[in-house]
Amino acid sequence: MATSADDDRPGGLIIFLNGTSSSGKSSIAGELLTILDEPYFHLPVDTFHAMRARREFPADRLPHILEQLRGARTAGR
């Protein structure tokens, strides 16, 4: 697994599959899960959107929100 040059936390890889409806994105993702060595997860965009808050927040709050998520991830180790 890759590591960040700035610190010793493990890095990662995100693979985005883009295409129209019924173009085979989910089929390709399923095949990738069977052939890639590292543990990967398939997260369809509809599932991702279902997990997020329904209300909008100002763009300048994004760094603070991401830092809170990072802290929650670290606390769960």
Protein backbone atom coordinates (compact mmCIF):
# COMPACT_ATOMS: atom_id res chain seq x y z
CA MET A 1 0.00 0.00 0.00
CA ALA A 2 1.27 3.48 -0.79
CA THR A 3 2.27 5.90 1.95
CA SER A 4 2.05 9.64 1.96
CA ALA A 5 5.31 11.56 1.64
CA ASP A 6 4.10 14.00 4.33
CA ASP A 7 3.54 11.48 7.14
CA ASP A 8 3.55 7.80 7.95
CA ARG A 9 -0.18 7.14 7.49
CA PRO A 10 -1.03 4.58 4.83
CA GLY A 11 -2.20 5.98 1.53
CA GLY A 12 -4.54 4.37 -0.92
CA LEU A 13 -5.88 4.23 -4.41
CA ILE A 14 -9.31 5.27 -5.64
CA ILE A 15 -10.50 4.03 -9.02
CA PHE A 16 -13.34 5.98 -10.61
CA LEU A 17 -15.39 4.32 -13.32
CA ASN A 18 -17.37 6.78 -15.38
CA GLY A 19 -19.98 5.98 -17.98
CA THR A 20 -23.61 6.15 -18.93
CA SER A 21 -26.31 4.01 -17.38
CA SER A 22 -25.98 0.32 -18.31
CA SER A 23 -22.49 0.83 -19.77
CA GLY A 24 -20.92 -1.90 -17.62
CA LYS A 25 -19.39 0.08 -14.73
CA SER A 26 -20.70 -2.31 -12.05
CA SER A 27 -19.65 -5.35 -14.06
CA ILE A 28 -16.14 -3.95 -14.45
CA ALA A 29 -15.99 -3.08 -10.74
CA GLY A 30 -17.04 -6.63 -9.87
CA GLU A 31 -14.32 -8.08 -12.07
CA LEU A 32 -11.70 -5.74 -10.62
CA LEU A 33 -12.61 -6.94 -7.12
CA THR A 34 -11.79 -10.50 -8.17
CA ILE A 35 -8.42 -9.76 -9.81
CA LEU A 36 -6.84 -6.98 -7.73
CA ASP A 37 -4.49 -8.05 -4.93
CA GLU A 38 -5.13 -5.27 -2.41
CA PRO A 39 -8.45 -5.13 -0.57
CA TYR A 40 -10.79 -2.87 -2.54
CA PHE A 41 -14.43 -1.89 -2.11
CA HIS A 42 -17.07 -1.16 -4.73
CA LEU A 43 -19.13 1.88 -3.75
CA PRO A 44 -21.75 2.77 -6.36
CA VAL A 45 -22.42 6.50 -6.63
CA ASP A 46 -26.08 6.04 -5.61
CA THR A 47 -24.95 4.38 -2.39
CA PHE A 48 -22.44 7.15 -1.76
CA HIS A 49 -25.10 9.84 -2.20
CA ALA A 50 -27.47 7.96 0.12
CA MET A 51 -24.86 8.20 2.92
CA ARG A 52 -24.35 11.95 2.81
CA ALA A 53 -26.28 14.70 4.57
CA ARG A 54 -29.30 16.03 2.76
CA ARG A 55 -28.63 19.65 3.64
CA GLU A 56 -25.98 21.76 1.98
CA PHE A 57 -23.08 23.31 3.87
CA PRO A 58 -20.83 26.23 2.92
CA ALA A 59 -17.74 25.27 0.93
CA ASP A 60 -15.46 26.96 3.47
CA ARG A 61 -16.59 24.39 6.09
CA LEU A 62 -15.31 21.44 4.04
CA PRO A 63 -11.77 21.43 5.53
CA HIS A 64 -13.24 21.36 9.06
CA ILE A 65 -15.67 18.56 8.18
CA LEU A 66 -12.91 16.48 6.59
CA GLU A 67 -10.71 16.98 9.64
CA GLN A 68 -13.54 15.76 11.88
CA LEU A 69 -13.90 12.65 9.73
CA ARG A 70 -10.15 12.03 9.88
CA GLY A 71 -10.26 12.32 13.68
CA ALA A 72 -13.17 9.88 13.84
CA ARG A 73 -11.27 7.41 11.66
CA THR A 74 -8.17 7.68 13.85
CA ALA A 75 -10.20 7.23 17.04
CA GLY A 76 -11.72 4.03 15.69
CA ARG A 77 -8.37 2.23 15.33
